[in-house]
Amino acid sequence: MQDKDYICAGQKIKCSMAAGPFTLMVIGTQMYKNKPIANIGDNKLGVNIIPPICVCKSPANPVVASMIASTMGAVTQAPSAPLITAPWVPGNPMIIIRNMPILTKNSKLICAYGGIISIQ
């Protein structure tokens, strides 16, 4: 595994339906370059995904859909939180951190509102 393949605390992540990057936070004791290494279970809002509230533009998001309807289409985004229901995929099953595969630069996190969160 090469240096660039370890995803650690502080890594920037981005949702395809949100403005701006987020920061990935990791709580763990297995370190790489003095930062905790992330695994596929590091997907919790407010714990691993900071900030947990973002500006979302997905019409599948009920908050965004309500805002679009109430402004007759004038507003197409709204502050909201992603809805994460599954771990990151894929991880690297060859390296296990805290009983789960580590994240890699190709890992994605799927939001139930249609956004895809990726490693930047």
PDB file of N, CA and C in Angstrom:
ATOM      1  N   MET A   1       0.849  -1.175   0.000  1.00  0.00           N
ATOM      2  CA  MET A   1       0.000   0.000   0.000  1.00  0.00           C
ATOM      3  C   MET A   1       0.890   1.232   0.000  1.00  0.00           C
ATOM      4  N   GLN A   2       0.596   2.183  -0.856  1.00  0.00           N
ATOM      5  CA  GLN A   2       1.381   3.399  -0.954  1.00  0.00           C
ATOM      6  C   GLN A   2       0.855   4.450   0.011  1.00  0.00           C
ATOM      7  N   ASP A   3       1.707   5.445   0.316  1.00  0.00           N
ATOM      8  CA  ASP A   3       1.330   6.524   1.238  1.00  0.00           C
ATOM      9  C   ASP A   3      -0.021   7.145   0.889  1.00  0.00           C
ATOM     10  N   LYS A   4      -0.252   7.431  -0.374  1.00  0.00           N
ATOM     11  CA  LYS A   4      -1.466   8.140  -0.772  1.00  0.00           C
ATOM     12  C   LYS A   4      -2.732   7.307  -0.587  1.00  0.00           C
ATOM     13  N   ASP A   5      -2.581   6.000  -0.334  1.00  0.00           N
ATOM     14  CA  ASP A   5      -3.738   5.135  -0.187  1.00  0.00           C
ATOM     15  C   ASP A   5      -4.334   5.142   1.215  1.00  0.00           C
ATOM     16  N   TYR A   6      -3.632   5.687   2.208  1.00  0.00           N
ATOM     17  CA  TYR A   6      -4.179   5.773   3.553  1.00  0.00           C
ATOM     18  C   TYR A   6      -5.006   7.046   3.678  1.00  0.00           C
ATOM     19  N   ILE A   7      -6.242   6.904   4.103  1.00  0.00           N
ATOM     20  CA  ILE A   7      -7.106   8.061   4.342  1.00  0.00           C
ATOM     21  C   ILE A   7      -7.148   8.258   5.850  1.00  0.00           C
ATOM     22  N   CYS A   8      -6.802   9.468   6.285  1.00  0.00           N
ATOM     23  CA  CYS A   8      -6.660   9.740   7.714  1.00  0.00           C
ATOM     24  C   CYS A   8      -7.544  10.904   8.151  1.00  0.00           C
ATOM     25  N   ALA A   9      -7.603  11.115   9.447  1.00  0.00           N
ATOM     26  CA  ALA A   9      -8.327  12.251  10.024  1.00  0.00           C
ATOM     27  C   ALA A   9      -7.865  13.536   9.366  1.00  0.00           C
ATOM     28  N   GLY A  10      -8.804  14.428   9.101  1.00  0.00           N
ATOM     29  CA  GLY A  10      -8.486  15.718   8.494  1.00  0.00           C
ATOM     30  C   GLY A  10      -8.613  15.739   6.984  1.00  0.00           C
ATOM     31  N   GLN A  11      -8.797  14.563   6.375  1.00  0.00           N
ATOM     32  CA  GLN A  11      -8.935  14.484   4.920  1.00  0.00           C
ATOM     33  C   GLN A  11     -10.179  15.252   4.480  1.00  0.00           C
ATOM     34  N   LYS A  12     -10.100  15.934   3.360  1.00  0.00           N
ATOM     35  CA  LYS A  12     -11.260  16.642   2.808  1.00  0.00           C
ATOM     36  C   LYS A  12     -12.098  15.660   1.990  1.00  0.00           C
ATOM     37  N   ILE A  13     -13.420  15.757   2.167  1.00  0.00           N
ATOM     38  CA  ILE A  13     -14.369  14.949   1.421  1.00  0.00           C
ATOM     39  C   ILE A  13     -15.410  15.888   0.820  1.00  0.00           C
ATOM     40  N   LYS A  14     -16.063  15.475  -0.257  1.00  0.00           N
ATOM     41  CA  LYS A  14     -17.011  16.355  -0.949  1.00  0.00           C
ATOM     42  C   LYS A  14     -18.217  15.559  -1.405  1.00  0.00           C
ATOM     43  N   CYS A  15     -19.401  16.144  -1.221  1.00  0.00           N
ATOM     44  CA  CYS A  15     -20.648  15.543  -1.695  1.00  0.00           C
ATOM     45  C   CYS A  15     -21.015  16.155  -3.043  1.00  0.00           C
ATOM     46  N   SER A  16     -21.445  15.310  -3.964  1.00  0.00           N
ATOM     47  CA  SER A  16     -21.827  15.788  -5.302  1.00  0.00           C
ATOM     48  C   SER A  16     -23.065  16.681  -5.268  1.00  0.00           C
ATOM     49  N   MET A  17     -23.842  16.658  -4.180  1.00  0.00           N
ATOM     50  CA  MET A  17     -25.054  17.475  -4.070  1.00  0.00           C
ATOM     51  C   MET A  17     -24.928  18.609  -3.056  1.00  0.00           C
ATOM     52  N   ALA A  18     -23.711  18.842  -2.563  1.00  0.00           N
ATOM     53  CA  ALA A  18     -23.540  19.864  -1.525  1.00  0.00           C
ATOM     54  C   ALA A  18     -22.460  20.865  -1.912  1.00  0.00           C
ATOM     55  N   ALA A  19     -22.546  22.025  -1.296  1.00  0.00           N
ATOM     56  CA  ALA A  19     -21.535  23.058  -1.509  1.00  0.00           C
ATOM     57  C   ALA A  19     -20.362  22.827  -0.573  1.00  0.00           C
ATOM     58  N   GLY A  20     -19.178  23.069  -1.074  1.00  0.00           N
ATOM     59  CA  GLY A  20     -17.979  23.046  -0.240  1.00  0.00           C
ATOM     60  C   GLY A  20     -17.557  21.682   0.245  1.00  0.00           C
ATOM     61  N   PRO A  21     -16.299  21.532   0.572  1.00  0.00           N
ATOM     62  CA  PRO A  21     -15.823  20.263   1.125  1.00  0.00           C
ATOM     63  C   PRO A  21     -16.133  20.159   2.620  1.00  0.00           C
ATOM     64  N   PHE A  22     -16.147  18.934   3.108  1.00  0.00           N
ATOM     65  CA  PHE A  22     -16.279  18.627   4.524  1.00  0.00           C
ATOM     66  C   PHE A  22     -14.932  18.124   5.006  1.00  0.00           C
ATOM     67  N   THR A  23     -14.827  17.934   6.301  1.00  0.00           N
ATOM     68  CA  THR A  23     -13.629  17.341   6.885  1.00  0.00           C
ATOM     69  C   THR A  23     -13.993  15.987   7.475  1.00  0.00           C
ATOM     70  N   LEU A  24     -13.168  14.991   7.178  1.00  0.00           N
ATOM     71  CA  LEU A  24     -13.356  13.668   7.742  1.00  0.00           C
ATOM     72  C   LEU A  24     -12.602  13.590   9.060  1.00  0.00           C
ATOM     73  N   MET A  25     -13.313  13.281  10.126  1.00  0.00           N
ATOM     74  CA  MET A  25     -12.700  13.121  11.442  1.00  0.00           C
ATOM     75  C   MET A  25     -12.686  11.638  11.777  1.00  0.00           C
ATOM     76  N   VAL A  26     -11.615  11.209  12.411  1.00  0.00           N
ATOM     77  CA  VAL A  26     -11.461   9.802  12.751  1.00  0.00           C
ATOM     78  C   VAL A  26     -11.005   9.704  14.195  1.00  0.00           C
ATOM     79  N   ILE A  27     -11.647   8.831  14.928  1.00  0.00           N
ATOM     80  CA  ILE A  27     -11.256   8.572  16.311  1.00  0.00           C
ATOM     81  C   ILE A  27     -10.683   7.162  16.338  1.00  0.00           C
ATOM     82  N   GLY A  28      -9.403   7.056  16.594  1.00  0.00           N
ATOM     83  CA  GLY A  28      -8.775   5.745  16.618  1.00  0.00           C
ATOM     84  C   GLY A  28      -7.351   5.835  17.114  1.00  0.00           C
ATOM     85  N   THR A  29      -6.779   4.687  17.364  1.00  0.00           N
ATOM     86  CA  THR A  29      -5.415   4.645  17.895  1.00  0.00           C
ATOM     87  C   THR A  29      -4.397   4.166  16.874  1.00  0.00           C
ATOM     88  N   GLN A  30      -4.859   3.622  15.757  1.00  0.00           N
ATOM     89  CA  GLN A  30      -3.924   3.195  14.721  1.00  0.00           C
ATOM     90  C   GLN A  30      -3.635   4.392  13.832  1.00  0.00           C
ATOM     91  N   MET A  31      -2.359   4.795  13.824  1.00  0.00           N
ATOM     92  CA  MET A  31      -1.973   6.062  13.209  1.00  0.00           C
ATOM     93  C   MET A  31      -1.110   5.865  11.970  1.00  0.00           C
ATOM     94  N   TYR A  32      -1.180   6.865  11.111  1.00  0.00           N
ATOM     95  CA  TYR A  32      -0.271   6.984   9.980  1.00  0.00           C
ATOM     96  C   TYR A  32       0.130   8.446   9.909  1.00  0.00           C
ATOM     97  N   LYS A  33       1.399   8.723   9.987  1.00  0.00           N
ATOM     98  CA  LYS A  33       1.919  10.105  10.015  1.00  0.00           C
ATOM     99  C   LYS A  33       1.210  10.932  11.080  1.00  0.00           C
ATOM    100  N   ASN A  34       1.068  10.365  12.275  1.00  0.00           N
ATOM    101  CA  ASN A  34       0.473  11.011  13.452  1.00  0.00           C
ATOM    102  C   ASN A  34      -1.007  11.358  13.309  1.00  0.00           C
ATOM    103  N   LYS A  35      -1.718  10.695  12.388  1.00  0.00           N
ATOM    104  CA  LYS A  35      -3.156  10.905  12.243  1.00  0.00           C
ATOM    105  C   LYS A  35      -3.854   9.551  12.271  1.00  0.00           C
ATOM    106  N   PRO A  36      -5.025   9.473  12.931  1.00  0.00           N
ATOM    107  CA  PRO A  36      -5.764   8.208  12.942  1.00  0.00           C
ATOM    108  C   PRO A  36      -6.187   7.804  11.524  1.00  0.00           C
ATOM    109  N   ILE A  37      -6.082   6.508  11.221  1.00  0.00           N
ATOM    110  CA  ILE A  37      -6.453   5.977   9.914  1.00  0.00           C
ATOM    111  C   ILE A  37      -7.953   5.689   9.889  1.00  0.00           C
ATOM    112  N   ALA A  38      -8.614   6.030   8.773  1.00  0.00           N
ATOM    113  CA  ALA A  38     -10.058   5.850   8.630  1.00  0.00           C
ATOM    114  C   ALA A  38     -10.402   4.455   8.109  1.00  0.00           C
ATOM    115  N   ASN A  39     -11.574   3.968   8.549  1.00  0.00           N
ATOM    116  CA  ASN A  39     -12.107   2.720   8.002  1.00  0.00           C
ATOM    117  C   ASN A  39     -13.498   2.977   7.427  1.00  0.00           C
ATOM    118  N   ILE A  40     -14.105   1.939   6.835  1.00  0.00           N
ATOM    119  CA  ILE A  40     -15.390   2.129   6.154  1.00  0.00           C
ATOM    120  C   ILE A  40     -16.539   2.478   7.103  1.00  0.00           C
ATOM    121  N   GLY A  41     -16.337   2.281   8.405  1.00  0.00           N
ATOM    122  CA  GLY A  41     -17.365   2.620   9.387  1.00  0.00           C
ATOM    123  C   GLY A  41     -17.306   4.058   9.871  1.00  0.00           C
ATOM    124  N   ASP A  42     -16.349   4.827   9.379  1.00  0.00           N
ATOM    125  CA  ASP A  42     -16.236   6.240   9.768  1.00  0.00           C
ATOM    126  C   ASP A  42     -17.175   7.079   8.906  1.00  0.00           C
ATOM    127  N   ASN A  43     -18.475   6.933   9.164  1.00  0.00           N
ATOM    128  CA  ASN A  43     -19.509   7.566   8.341  1.00  0.00           C
ATOM    129  C   ASN A  43     -20.593   8.280   9.143  1.00  0.00           C
ATOM    130  N   LYS A  44     -20.295   8.619  10.398  1.00  0.00           N
ATOM    131  CA  LYS A  44     -21.310   9.219  11.263  1.00  0.00           C
ATOM    132  C   LYS A  44     -21.290  10.744  11.181  1.00  0.00           C
ATOM    133  N   LEU A  45     -22.487  11.334  11.017  1.00  0.00           N
ATOM    134  CA  LEU A  45     -22.609  12.799  10.993  1.00  0.00           C
ATOM    135  C   LEU A  45     -22.254  13.373  12.348  1.00  0.00           C
ATOM    136  N   GLY A  46     -21.517  14.449  12.354  1.00  0.00           N
ATOM    137  CA  GLY A  46     -21.150  15.117  13.594  1.00  0.00           C
ATOM    138  C   GLY A  46     -20.015  14.450  14.335  1.00  0.00           C
ATOM    139  N   VAL A  47     -19.684  13.222  13.975  1.00  0.00           N
ATOM    140  CA  VAL A  47     -18.553  12.512  14.575  1.00  0.00           C
ATOM    141  C   VAL A  47     -17.443  12.404  13.544  1.00  0.00           C
ATOM    142  N   ASN A  48     -17.780  11.844  12.374  1.00  0.00           N
ATOM    143  CA  ASN A  48     -16.797  11.667  11.311  1.00  0.00           C
ATOM    144  C   ASN A  48     -16.947  12.680  10.182  1.00  0.00           C
ATOM    145  N   ILE A  49     -18.146  13.133   9.936  1.00  0.00           N
ATOM    146  CA  ILE A  49     -18.393  14.081   8.841  1.00  0.00           C
ATOM    147  C   ILE A  49     -18.706  15.432   9.457  1.00  0.00           C
ATOM    148  N   ILE A  50     -17.747  16.356   9.289  1.00  0.00           N
ATOM    149  CA  ILE A  50     -17.829  17.687   9.891  1.00  0.00           C
ATOM    150  C   ILE A  50     -17.742  18.733   8.779  1.00  0.00           C
ATOM    151  N   PRO A  51     -18.633  19.682   8.653  1.00  0.00           N
ATOM    152  CA  PRO A  51     -19.817  19.888   9.494  1.00  0.00           C
ATOM    153  C   PRO A  51     -20.937  18.951   9.067  1.00  0.00           C
ATOM    154  N   PRO A  52     -21.817  18.603  10.004  1.00  0.00           N
ATOM    155  CA  PRO A  52     -22.908  17.692   9.663  1.00  0.00           C
ATOM    156  C   PRO A  52     -24.015  18.362   8.855  1.00  0.00           C
ATOM    157  N   ILE A  53     -24.081  19.683   8.875  1.00  0.00           N
ATOM    158  CA  ILE A  53     -25.089  20.421   8.104  1.00  0.00           C
ATOM    159  C   ILE A  53     -24.388  21.084   6.927  1.00  0.00           C
ATOM    160  N   CYS A  54     -25.001  20.979   5.757  1.00  0.00           N
ATOM    161  CA  CYS A  54     -24.413  21.565   4.552  1.00  0.00           C
ATOM    162  C   CYS A  54     -25.517  22.213   3.735  1.00  0.00           C
ATOM    163  N   VAL A  55     -25.147  22.826   2.641  1.00  0.00           N
ATOM    164  CA  VAL A  55     -26.128  23.356   1.701  1.00  0.00           C
ATOM    165  C   VAL A  55     -26.315  22.294   0.621  1.00  0.00           C
ATOM    166  N   CYS A  56     -27.494  21.689   0.614  1.00  0.00           N
ATOM    167  CA  CYS A  56     -27.805  20.584  -0.289  1.00  0.00           C
ATOM    168  C   CYS A  56     -28.640  21.093  -1.457  1.00  0.00           C
ATOM    169  N   LYS A  57     -28.426  20.511  -2.632  1.00  0.00           N
ATOM    170  CA  LYS A  57     -29.214  20.892  -3.809  1.00  0.00           C
ATOM    171  C   LYS A  57     -29.999  19.727  -4.404  1.00  0.00           C
ATOM    172  N   SER A  58     -30.077  18.609  -3.683  1.00  0.00           N
ATOM    173  CA  SER A  58     -30.786  17.439  -4.202  1.00  0.00           C
ATOM    174  C   SER A  58     -32.296  17.595  -4.027  1.00  0.00           C
ATOM    175  N   PRO A  59     -33.059  17.548  -5.109  1.00  0.00           N
ATOM    176  CA  PRO A  59     -34.516  17.625  -4.972  1.00  0.00           C
ATOM    177  C   PRO A  59     -35.112  16.399  -4.276  1.00  0.00           C
ATOM    178  N   ALA A  60     -34.335  15.336  -4.109  1.00  0.00           N
ATOM    179  CA  ALA A  60     -34.796  14.155  -3.374  1.00  0.00           C
ATOM    180  C   ALA A  60     -34.767  14.395  -1.866  1.00  0.00           C
ATOM    181  N   ASN A  61     -34.071  15.433  -1.436  1.00  0.00           N
ATOM    182  CA  ASN A  61     -33.999  15.794  -0.019  1.00  0.00           C
ATOM    183  C   ASN A  61     -35.297  16.519   0.340  1.00  0.00           C
ATOM    184  N   PRO A  62     -36.064  16.043   1.325  1.00  0.00           N
ATOM    185  CA  PRO A  62     -37.341  16.684   1.666  1.00  0.00           C
ATOM    186  C   PRO A  62     -37.216  18.160   2.046  1.00  0.00           C
ATOM    187  N   VAL A  63     -36.124  18.546   2.696  1.00  0.00           N
ATOM    188  CA  VAL A  63     -35.925  19.953   3.062  1.00  0.00           C
ATOM    189  C   VAL A  63     -35.765  20.802   1.800  1.00  0.00           C
ATOM    190  N   VAL A  64     -34.975  20.319   0.859  1.00  0.00           N
ATOM    191  CA  VAL A  64     -34.760  21.042  -0.403  1.00  0.00           C
ATOM    192  C   VAL A  64     -36.060  21.076  -1.205  1.00  0.00           C
ATOM    193  N   ALA A  65     -36.751  19.946  -1.297  1.00  0.00           N
ATOM    194  CA  ALA A  65     -38.015  19.897  -2.050  1.00  0.00           C
ATOM    195  C   ALA A  65     -39.035  20.872  -1.471  1.00  0.00           C
ATOM    196  N   SER A  66     -39.099  20.955  -0.154  1.00  0.00           N
ATOM    197  CA  SER A  66     -40.021  21.893   0.493  1.00  0.00           C
ATOM    198  C   SER A  66     -39.656  23.341   0.177  1.00  0.00           C
ATOM    199  N   MET A  67     -38.347  23.629   0.197  1.00  0.00           N
ATOM    200  CA  MET A  67     -37.888  24.984  -0.112  1.00  0.00           C
ATOM    201  C   MET A  67     -38.193  25.342  -1.568  1.00  0.00           C
ATOM    202  N   ILE A  68     -37.996  24.408  -2.473  1.00  0.00           N
ATOM    203  CA  ILE A  68     -38.291  24.644  -3.889  1.00  0.00           C
ATOM    204  C   ILE A  68     -39.783  24.917  -4.063  1.00  0.00           C
ATOM    205  N   ALA A  69     -40.621  24.109  -3.413  1.00  0.00           N
ATOM    206  CA  ALA A  69     -42.071  24.277  -3.528  1.00  0.00           C
ATOM    207  C   ALA A  69     -42.547  25.590  -2.926  1.00  0.00           C
ATOM    208  N   SER A  70     -41.996  25.954  -1.770  1.00  0.00           N
ATOM    209  CA  SER A  70     -42.471  27.168  -1.097  1.00  0.00           C
ATOM    210  C   SER A  70     -42.028  28.450  -1.798  1.00  0.00           C
ATOM    211  N   THR A  71     -40.990  28.367  -2.619  1.00  0.00           N
ATOM    212  CA  THR A  71     -40.530  29.566  -3.336  1.00  0.00           C
ATOM    213  C   THR A  71     -40.831  29.477  -4.824  1.00  0.00           C
ATOM    214  N   MET A  72     -41.677  28.513  -5.200  1.00  0.00           N
ATOM    215  CA  MET A  72     -42.045  28.280  -6.601  1.00  0.00           C
ATOM    216  C   MET A  72     -40.820  28.142  -7.497  1.00  0.00           C
ATOM    217  N   GLY A  73     -39.840  27.444  -6.988  1.00  0.00           N
ATOM    218  CA  GLY A  73     -38.640  27.149  -7.766  1.00  0.00           C
ATOM    219  C   GLY A  73     -37.550  28.192  -7.706  1.00  0.00           C
ATOM    220  N   ALA A  74     -37.773  29.275  -6.959  1.00  0.00           N
ATOM    221  CA  ALA A  74     -36.766  30.338  -6.896  1.00  0.00           C
ATOM    222  C   ALA A  74     -35.530  29.902  -6.105  1.00  0.00           C
ATOM    223  N   VAL A  75     -35.722  29.068  -5.102  1.00  0.00           N
ATOM    224  CA  VAL A  75     -34.604  28.569  -4.305  1.00  0.00           C
ATOM    225  C   VAL A  75     -34.431  27.099  -4.638  1.00  0.00           C
ATOM    226  N   THR A  76     -33.212  26.699  -4.960  1.00  0.00           N
ATOM    227  CA  THR A  76     -32.981  25.308  -5.360  1.00  0.00           C
ATOM    228  C   THR A  76     -32.033  24.567  -4.432  1.00  0.00           C
ATOM    229  N   GLN A  77     -31.750  25.151  -3.270  1.00  0.00           N
ATOM    230  CA  GLN A  77     -30.908  24.487  -2.283  1.00  0.00           C
ATOM    231  C   GLN A  77     -31.314  24.939  -0.891  1.00  0.00           C
ATOM    232  N   ALA A  78     -30.910  24.161   0.105  1.00  0.00           N
ATOM    233  CA  ALA A  78     -31.276  24.496   1.482  1.00  0.00           C
ATOM    234  C   ALA A  78     -30.292  23.853   2.442  1.00  0.00           C
ATOM    235  N   PRO A  79     -30.134  24.453   3.631  1.00  0.00           N
ATOM    236  CA  PRO A  79     -29.302  23.810   4.654  1.00  0.00           C
ATOM    237  C   PRO A  79     -29.955  22.502   5.090  1.00  0.00           C
ATOM    238  N   SER A  80     -29.160  21.465   5.137  1.00  0.00           N
ATOM    239  CA  SER A  80     -29.668  20.161   5.509  1.00  0.00           C
ATOM    240  C   SER A  80     -28.508  19.252   5.884  1.00  0.00           C
ATOM    241  N   ALA A  81     -28.823  18.100   6.409  1.00  0.00           N
ATOM    242  CA  ALA A  81     -27.813  17.091   6.736  1.00  0.00           C
ATOM    243  C   ALA A  81     -27.963  15.925   5.770  1.00  0.00           C
ATOM    244  N   PRO A  82     -26.839  15.338   5.351  1.00  0.00           N
ATOM    245  CA  PRO A  82     -26.956  14.142   4.518  1.00  0.00           C
ATOM    246  C   PRO A  82     -27.591  13.000   5.318  1.00  0.00           C
ATOM    247  N   LEU A  83     -28.182  12.060   4.620  1.00  0.00           N
ATOM    248  CA  LEU A  83     -28.762  10.886   5.260  1.00  0.00           C
ATOM    249  C   LEU A  83     -27.917   9.679   4.849  1.00  0.00           C
ATOM    250  N   ILE A  84     -27.055   9.263   5.756  1.00  0.00           N
ATOM    251  CA  ILE A  84     -26.116   8.182   5.500  1.00  0.00           C
ATOM    252  C   ILE A  84     -26.653   6.909   6.155  1.00  0.00           C
ATOM    253  N   THR A  85     -26.853   5.867   5.360  1.00  0.00           N
ATOM    254  CA  THR A  85     -27.431   4.636   5.896  1.00  0.00           C
ATOM    255  C   THR A  85     -26.525   3.416   5.747  1.00  0.00           C
ATOM    256  N   ALA A  86     -25.356   3.602   5.171  1.00  0.00           N
ATOM    257  CA  ALA A  86     -24.453   2.465   4.949  1.00  0.00           C
ATOM    258  C   ALA A  86     -23.005   2.935   5.069  1.00  0.00           C
ATOM    259  N   PRO A  87     -22.075   2.001   5.236  1.00  0.00           N
ATOM    260  CA  PRO A  87     -20.661   2.384   5.314  1.00  0.00           C
ATOM    261  C   PRO A  87     -20.107   2.813   3.956  1.00  0.00           C
ATOM    262  N   TRP A  88     -18.890   3.357   3.997  1.00  0.00           N
ATOM    263  CA  TRP A  88     -18.162   3.686   2.776  1.00  0.00           C
ATOM    264  C   TRP A  88     -17.963   2.404   1.964  1.00  0.00           C
ATOM    265  N   VAL A  89     -17.949   2.523   0.626  1.00  0.00           N
ATOM    266  CA  VAL A  89     -17.647   1.392  -0.258  1.00  0.00           C
ATOM    267  C   VAL A  89     -16.750   1.840  -1.405  1.00  0.00           C
ATOM    268  N   PRO A  90     -15.895   1.065  -1.959  1.00  0.00           N
ATOM    269  CA  PRO A  90     -15.360  -0.105  -1.286  1.00  0.00           C
ATOM    270  C   PRO A  90     -14.260   0.321  -0.334  1.00  0.00           C
ATOM    271  N   GLY A  91     -13.930  -0.525   0.565  1.00  0.00           N
ATOM    272  CA  GLY A  91     -12.739  -0.338   1.390  1.00  0.00           C
ATOM    273  C   GLY A  91     -11.662  -1.278   0.871  1.00  0.00           C
ATOM    274  N   ASN A  92     -10.545  -1.322   1.548  1.00  0.00           N
ATOM    275  CA  ASN A  92      -9.493  -2.266   1.187  1.00  0.00           C
ATOM    276  C   ASN A  92      -9.502  -3.392   2.219  1.00  0.00           C
ATOM    277  N   PRO A  93     -10.067  -4.566   1.874  1.00  0.00           N
ATOM    278  CA  PRO A  93     -10.176  -5.659   2.840  1.00  0.00           C
ATOM    279  C   PRO A  93      -8.835  -6.283   3.221  1.00  0.00           C
ATOM    280  N   MET A  94      -7.779  -5.890   2.542  1.00  0.00           N
ATOM    281  CA  MET A  94      -6.455  -6.430   2.863  1.00  0.00           C
ATOM    282  C   MET A  94      -5.866  -5.761   4.106  1.00  0.00           C
ATOM    283  N   ILE A  95      -6.391  -4.587   4.478  1.00  0.00           N
ATOM    284  CA  ILE A  95      -5.900  -3.887   5.663  1.00  0.00           C
ATOM    285  C   ILE A  95      -7.102  -3.572   6.561  1.00  0.00           C
ATOM    286  N   ILE A  96      -7.090  -4.126   7.747  1.00  0.00           N
ATOM    287  CA  ILE A  96      -8.200  -3.973   8.691  1.00  0.00           C
ATOM    288  C   ILE A  96      -7.771  -3.041   9.826  1.00  0.00           C
ATOM    289  N   ILE A  97      -8.590  -2.011  10.056  1.00  0.00           N
ATOM    290  CA  ILE A  97      -8.386  -1.045  11.139  1.00  0.00           C
ATOM    291  C   ILE A  97      -9.675  -1.034  11.960  1.00  0.00           C
ATOM    292  N   ARG A  98      -9.579  -1.217  13.264  1.00  0.00           N
ATOM    293  CA  ARG A  98     -10.748  -1.265  14.144  1.00  0.00           C
ATOM    294  C   ARG A  98     -11.810  -2.228  13.607  1.00  0.00           C
ATOM    295  N   ASN A  99     -11.365  -3.403  13.193  1.00  0.00           N
ATOM    296  CA  ASN A  99     -12.232  -4.499  12.741  1.00  0.00           C
ATOM    297  C   ASN A  99     -12.971  -4.248  11.428  1.00  0.00           C
ATOM    298  N   MET A 100     -12.552  -3.253  10.647  1.00  0.00           N
ATOM    299  CA  MET A 100     -13.173  -2.987   9.350  1.00  0.00           C
ATOM    300  C   MET A 100     -12.101  -2.632   8.325  1.00  0.00           C
ATOM    301  N   PRO A 101     -12.391  -2.837   7.024  1.00  0.00           N
ATOM    302  CA  PRO A 101     -11.435  -2.444   5.985  1.00  0.00           C
ATOM    303  C   PRO A 101     -11.171  -0.932   6.011  1.00  0.00           C
ATOM    304  N   ILE A 102      -9.947  -0.545   5.660  1.00  0.00           N
ATOM    305  CA  ILE A 102      -9.623   0.884   5.625  1.00  0.00           C
ATOM    306  C   ILE A 102     -10.275   1.561   4.424  1.00  0.00           C
ATOM    307  N   LEU A 103     -10.400   2.882   4.523  1.00  0.00           N
ATOM    308  CA  LEU A 103     -10.832   3.676   3.375  1.00  0.00           C
ATOM    309  C   LEU A 103      -9.675   3.813   2.407  1.00  0.00           C
ATOM    310  N   THR A 104     -10.010   4.000   1.137  1.00  0.00           N
ATOM    311  CA  THR A 104      -9.004   4.293   0.121  1.00  0.00           C
ATOM    312  C   THR A 104      -9.456   5.523  -0.649  1.00  0.00           C
ATOM    313  N   LYS A 105      -8.600   6.022  -1.507  1.00  0.00           N
ATOM    314  CA  LYS A 105      -8.948   7.212  -2.293  1.00  0.00           C
ATOM    315  C   LYS A 105     -10.141   6.959  -3.208  1.00  0.00           C
ATOM    316  N   ASN A 106     -10.490   5.690  -3.465  1.00  0.00           N
ATOM    317  CA  ASN A 106     -11.621   5.349  -4.328  1.00  0.00           C
ATOM    318  C   ASN A 106     -12.909   5.081  -3.562  1.00  0.00           C
ATOM    319  N   SER A 107     -12.877   5.136  -2.252  1.00  0.00           N
ATOM    320  CA  SER A 107     -14.074   4.873  -1.448  1.00  0.00           C
ATOM    321  C   SER A 107     -15.112   5.971  -1.657  1.00  0.00           C
ATOM    322  N   LYS A 108     -16.384   5.580  -1.620  1.00  0.00           N
ATOM    323  CA  LYS A 108     -17.507   6.515  -1.769  1.00  0.00           C
ATOM    324  C   LYS A 108     -18.501   6.254  -0.647  1.00  0.00           C
ATOM    325  N   LEU A 109     -19.194   7.308  -0.269  1.00  0.00           N
ATOM    326  CA  LEU A 109     -20.254   7.222   0.723  1.00  0.00           C
ATOM    327  C   LEU A 109     -21.527   7.714   0.040  1.00  0.00           C
ATOM    328  N   ILE A 110     -22.576   6.930   0.103  1.00  0.00           N
ATOM    329  CA  ILE A 110     -23.809   7.255  -0.616  1.00  0.00           C
ATOM    330  C   ILE A 110     -24.817   7.861   0.342  1.00  0.00           C
ATOM    331  N   CYS A 111     -25.347   9.030  -0.046  1.00  0.00           N
ATOM    332  CA  CYS A 111     -26.411   9.686   0.722  1.00  0.00           C
ATOM    333  C   CYS A 111     -27.759   9.209   0.165  1.00  0.00           C
ATOM    334  N   ALA A 112     -28.703   8.984   1.037  1.00  0.00           N
ATOM    335  CA  ALA A 112     -30.034   8.524   0.614  1.00  0.00           C
ATOM    336  C   ALA A 112     -30.741   9.547  -0.274  1.00  0.00           C
ATOM    337  N   TYR A 113     -30.260  10.796  -0.283  1.00  0.00           N
ATOM    338  CA  TYR A 113     -30.858  11.841  -1.106  1.00  0.00           C
ATOM    339  C   TYR A 113     -30.203  11.940  -2.481  1.00  0.00           C
ATOM    340  N   GLY A 114     -29.319  11.010  -2.800  1.00  0.00           N
ATOM    341  CA  GLY A 114     -28.737  10.975  -4.142  1.00  0.00           C
ATOM    342  C   GLY A 114     -27.329  11.522  -4.268  1.00  0.00           C
ATOM    343  N   GLY A 115     -26.785  12.055  -3.206  1.00  0.00           N
ATOM    344  CA  GLY A 115     -25.411  12.577  -3.256  1.00  0.00           C
ATOM    345  C   GLY A 115     -24.382  11.458  -3.108  1.00  0.00           C
ATOM    346  N   ILE A 116     -23.234  11.674  -3.711  1.00  0.00           N
ATOM    347  CA  ILE A 116     -22.125  10.740  -3.578  1.00  0.00           C
ATOM    348  C   ILE A 116     -20.980  11.509  -2.937  1.00  0.00           C
ATOM    349  N   ILE A 117     -20.565  11.059  -1.747  1.00  0.00           N
ATOM    350  CA  ILE A 117     -19.479  11.704  -1.023  1.00  0.00           C
ATOM    351  C   ILE A 117     -18.195  10.966  -1.376  1.00  0.00           C
ATOM    352  N   SER A 118     -17.201  11.739  -1.836  1.00  0.00           N
ATOM    353  CA  SER A 118     -15.946  11.130  -2.266  1.00  0.00           C
ATOM    354  C   SER A 118     -14.776  11.791  -1.567  1.00  0.00           C
ATOM    355  N   ILE A 119     -13.648  11.094  -1.607  1.00  0.00           N
ATOM    356  CA  ILE A 119     -12.401  11.572  -1.040  1.00  0.00           C
ATOM    357  C   ILE A 119     -11.804  12.594  -2.004  1.00  0.00           C
ATOM    358  N   GLN A 120     -11.393  13.725  -1.511  1.00  0.00           N
ATOM    359  CA  GLN A 120     -10.799  14.768  -2.373  1.00  0.00           C
ATOM    360  C   GLN A 120      -9.309  14.600  -2.488  1.00  0.00           C
TER     361      GLN A 120
END
